[in-house]
Amino acid sequence: MAPFDIHVIPANAKNEEQMSNAEAITKTLEAAGYEVLLDDRKERAGVKFADSDLIGLPIRVTVGKMIGDGIVEVKVRQSGESFDVAIDDLVAKIESLEA
């Protein structure tokens, strides 16, 4: 059993827009009842993704370059599928993945 439900990763922790959105997304997911791990380390994205795979949390939300358009990437560990999701639809998308 994973210690958290969702892993939120800002691809570039030095990018203010990505970090602030990652923090807001974390709060939104926690308010929806999820246990969320926010990776706010100043590491390269590849290091964070590798660590995420090792930790093995069920869902990874990546806040990257598309955040300017209000889009994040959601990756499901079990199937390996990934989806681009609008921030406003994120909670509903995650809920649908659990059904």
C-alpha atoms as a PDB file:
ATOM      1  CA  MET A   1       0.000   0.000   0.000  1.00  0.00           C
ATOM      2  CA  ALA A   2       1.375   3.399  -1.031  1.00  0.00           C
ATOM      3  CA  PRO A   3       1.846   6.081   1.648  1.00  0.00           C
ATOM      4  CA  PHE A   4       0.295   8.696  -0.654  1.00  0.00           C
ATOM      5  CA  ASP A   5      -2.382   8.569  -3.374  1.00  0.00           C
ATOM      6  CA  ILE A   6      -0.924  11.147  -5.751  1.00  0.00           C
ATOM      7  CA  HIS A   7       2.538  12.501  -6.527  1.00  0.00           C
ATOM      8  CA  VAL A   8       2.571  16.112  -7.782  1.00  0.00           C
ATOM      9  CA  ILE A   9       5.755  17.065  -9.619  1.00  0.00           C
ATOM     10  CA  PRO A  10       6.565  20.546 -10.895  1.00  0.00           C
ATOM     11  CA  ALA A  11       8.923  19.802 -13.802  1.00  0.00           C
ATOM     12  CA  ASN A  12      11.007  22.891 -13.037  1.00  0.00           C
ATOM     13  CA  ALA A  13      10.936  23.904  -9.367  1.00  0.00           C
ATOM     14  CA  LYS A  14      12.742  27.143 -10.284  1.00  0.00           C
ATOM     15  CA  ASN A  15       9.774  28.182 -12.457  1.00  0.00           C
ATOM     16  CA  GLU A  16       7.463  30.268 -10.275  1.00  0.00           C
ATOM     17  CA  GLU A  17       4.346  29.534 -12.363  1.00  0.00           C
ATOM     18  CA  GLN A  18       4.907  25.770 -12.164  1.00  0.00           C
ATOM     19  CA  MET A  19       5.626  25.842  -8.421  1.00  0.00           C
ATOM     20  CA  SER A  20       2.658  28.009  -7.482  1.00  0.00           C
ATOM     21  CA  ASN A  21       0.316  25.879  -9.591  1.00  0.00           C
ATOM     22  CA  ALA A  22       1.765  22.660  -8.138  1.00  0.00           C
ATOM     23  CA  GLU A  23       1.123  23.982  -4.632  1.00  0.00           C
ATOM     24  CA  ALA A  24      -2.439  25.008  -5.542  1.00  0.00           C
ATOM     25  CA  ILE A  25      -3.108  21.618  -7.165  1.00  0.00           C
ATOM     26  CA  THR A  26      -1.785  19.870  -4.065  1.00  0.00           C
ATOM     27  CA  LYS A  27      -4.185  21.849  -1.851  1.00  0.00           C
ATOM     28  CA  THR A  28      -7.111  21.149  -4.184  1.00  0.00           C
ATOM     29  CA  LEU A  29      -6.404  17.399  -4.210  1.00  0.00           C
ATOM     30  CA  GLU A  30      -5.980  17.318  -0.427  1.00  0.00           C
ATOM     31  CA  ALA A  31      -9.308  19.147  -0.045  1.00  0.00           C
ATOM     32  CA  ALA A  32     -10.863  16.413  -2.210  1.00  0.00           C
ATOM     33  CA  GLY A  33      -9.614  13.824   0.299  1.00  0.00           C
ATOM     34  CA  TYR A  34      -6.395  12.602  -1.300  1.00  0.00           C
ATOM     35  CA  GLU A  35      -3.036  12.110   0.384  1.00  0.00           C
ATOM     36  CA  VAL A  36      -0.626  14.085  -1.811  1.00  0.00           C
ATOM     37  CA  LEU A  37       3.171  14.188  -2.007  1.00  0.00           C
ATOM     38  CA  LEU A  38       4.511  17.429  -3.537  1.00  0.00           C
ATOM     39  CA  ASP A  39       8.046  17.078  -4.911  1.00  0.00           C
ATOM     40  CA  ASP A  40       9.336  20.618  -4.484  1.00  0.00           C
ATOM     41  CA  ARG A  41      13.027  19.702  -4.698  1.00  0.00           C
ATOM     42  CA  LYS A  42      15.300  21.724  -6.976  1.00  0.00           C
ATOM     43  CA  GLU A  43      16.204  18.610  -9.001  1.00  0.00           C
ATOM     44  CA  ARG A  44      15.915  18.030 -12.757  1.00  0.00           C
ATOM     45  CA  ALA A  45      12.616  16.583 -13.954  1.00  0.00           C
ATOM     46  CA  GLY A  46      14.260  13.274 -14.907  1.00  0.00           C
ATOM     47  CA  VAL A  47      15.503  12.753 -11.352  1.00  0.00           C
ATOM     48  CA  LYS A  48      12.035  13.471  -9.973  1.00  0.00           C
ATOM     49  CA  PHE A  49      10.382  11.073 -12.441  1.00  0.00           C
ATOM     50  CA  ALA A  50      12.867   8.300 -11.619  1.00  0.00           C
ATOM     51  CA  ASP A  51      12.275   8.799  -7.902  1.00  0.00           C
ATOM     52  CA  SER A  52       8.527   8.825  -8.487  1.00  0.00           C
ATOM     53  CA  ASP A  53       8.756   5.459 -10.232  1.00  0.00           C
ATOM     54  CA  LEU A  54      10.775   4.075  -7.312  1.00  0.00           C
ATOM     55  CA  ILE A  55       8.306   5.363  -4.724  1.00  0.00           C
ATOM     56  CA  GLY A  56       5.480   3.768  -6.709  1.00  0.00           C
ATOM     57  CA  LEU A  57       2.561   6.082  -6.013  1.00  0.00           C
ATOM     58  CA  PRO A  58      -0.549   5.189  -8.036  1.00  0.00           C
ATOM     59  CA  ILE A  59      -0.985   8.547  -9.816  1.00  0.00           C
ATOM     60  CA  ARG A  60       1.552  11.171 -10.879  1.00  0.00           C
ATOM     61  CA  VAL A  61       0.518  14.727 -11.800  1.00  0.00           C
ATOM     62  CA  THR A  62       3.206  16.647 -13.687  1.00  0.00           C
ATOM     63  CA  VAL A  63       3.030  20.425 -13.788  1.00  0.00           C
ATOM     64  CA  GLY A  64       5.103  21.383 -16.800  1.00  0.00           C
ATOM     65  CA  LYS A  65       5.298  23.729 -19.774  1.00  0.00           C
ATOM     66  CA  MET A  66       1.584  23.391 -20.605  1.00  0.00           C
ATOM     67  CA  ILE A  67       0.581  24.938 -17.270  1.00  0.00           C
ATOM     68  CA  GLY A  68       0.320  28.294 -19.050  1.00  0.00           C
ATOM     69  CA  ASP A  69      -2.652  26.799 -20.897  1.00  0.00           C
ATOM     70  CA  GLY A  70      -4.079  25.305 -17.687  1.00  0.00           C
ATOM     71  CA  ILE A  71      -3.027  21.746 -18.598  1.00  0.00           C
ATOM     72  CA  VAL A  72      -1.194  19.131 -16.502  1.00  0.00           C
ATOM     73  CA  GLU A  73      -0.159  15.574 -17.309  1.00  0.00           C
ATOM     74  CA  VAL A  74      -1.674  12.719 -15.317  1.00  0.00           C
ATOM     75  CA  LYS A  75       0.098   9.352 -15.413  1.00  0.00           C
ATOM     76  CA  VAL A  76      -1.378   6.150 -14.019  1.00  0.00           C
ATOM     77  CA  ARG A  77       1.365   3.896 -12.666  1.00  0.00           C
ATOM     78  CA  GLN A  78      -0.485   0.586 -13.043  1.00  0.00           C
ATOM     79  CA  SER A  79      -1.342   0.963 -16.745  1.00  0.00           C
ATOM     80  CA  GLY A  80       1.379   3.408 -17.785  1.00  0.00           C
ATOM     81  CA  GLU A  81      -1.257   5.562 -19.485  1.00  0.00           C
ATOM     82  CA  SER A  82      -0.890   9.315 -19.427  1.00  0.00           C
ATOM     83  CA  PHE A  83      -3.417  12.042 -20.146  1.00  0.00           C
ATOM     84  CA  ASP A  84      -3.314  15.805 -20.583  1.00  0.00           C
ATOM     85  CA  VAL A  85      -5.961  17.211 -18.256  1.00  0.00           C
ATOM     86  CA  ALA A  86      -7.270  20.727 -17.648  1.00  0.00           C
ATOM     87  CA  ILE A  87      -6.676  21.810 -14.047  1.00  0.00           C
ATOM     88  CA  ASP A  88     -10.400  22.437 -13.587  1.00  0.00           C
ATOM     89  CA  ASP A  89     -11.122  18.796 -14.556  1.00  0.00           C
ATOM     90  CA  LEU A  90      -8.291  17.218 -12.544  1.00  0.00           C
ATOM     91  CA  VAL A  91     -10.232  15.981  -9.515  1.00  0.00           C
ATOM     92  CA  ALA A  92     -13.014  14.539 -11.693  1.00  0.00           C
ATOM     93  CA  LYS A  93     -10.455  12.783 -13.928  1.00  0.00           C
ATOM     94  CA  ILE A  94      -8.681  11.221 -10.964  1.00  0.00           C
ATOM     95  CA  GLU A  95     -11.992  10.124  -9.467  1.00  0.00           C
ATOM     96  CA  SER A  96     -12.910   8.479 -12.797  1.00  0.00           C
ATOM     97  CA  LEU A  97      -9.604   6.592 -12.844  1.00  0.00           C
ATOM     98  CA  GLU A  98     -10.383   5.066  -9.459  1.00  0.00           C
ATOM     99  CA  ALA A  99     -13.848   3.858 -10.502  1.00  0.00           C
END
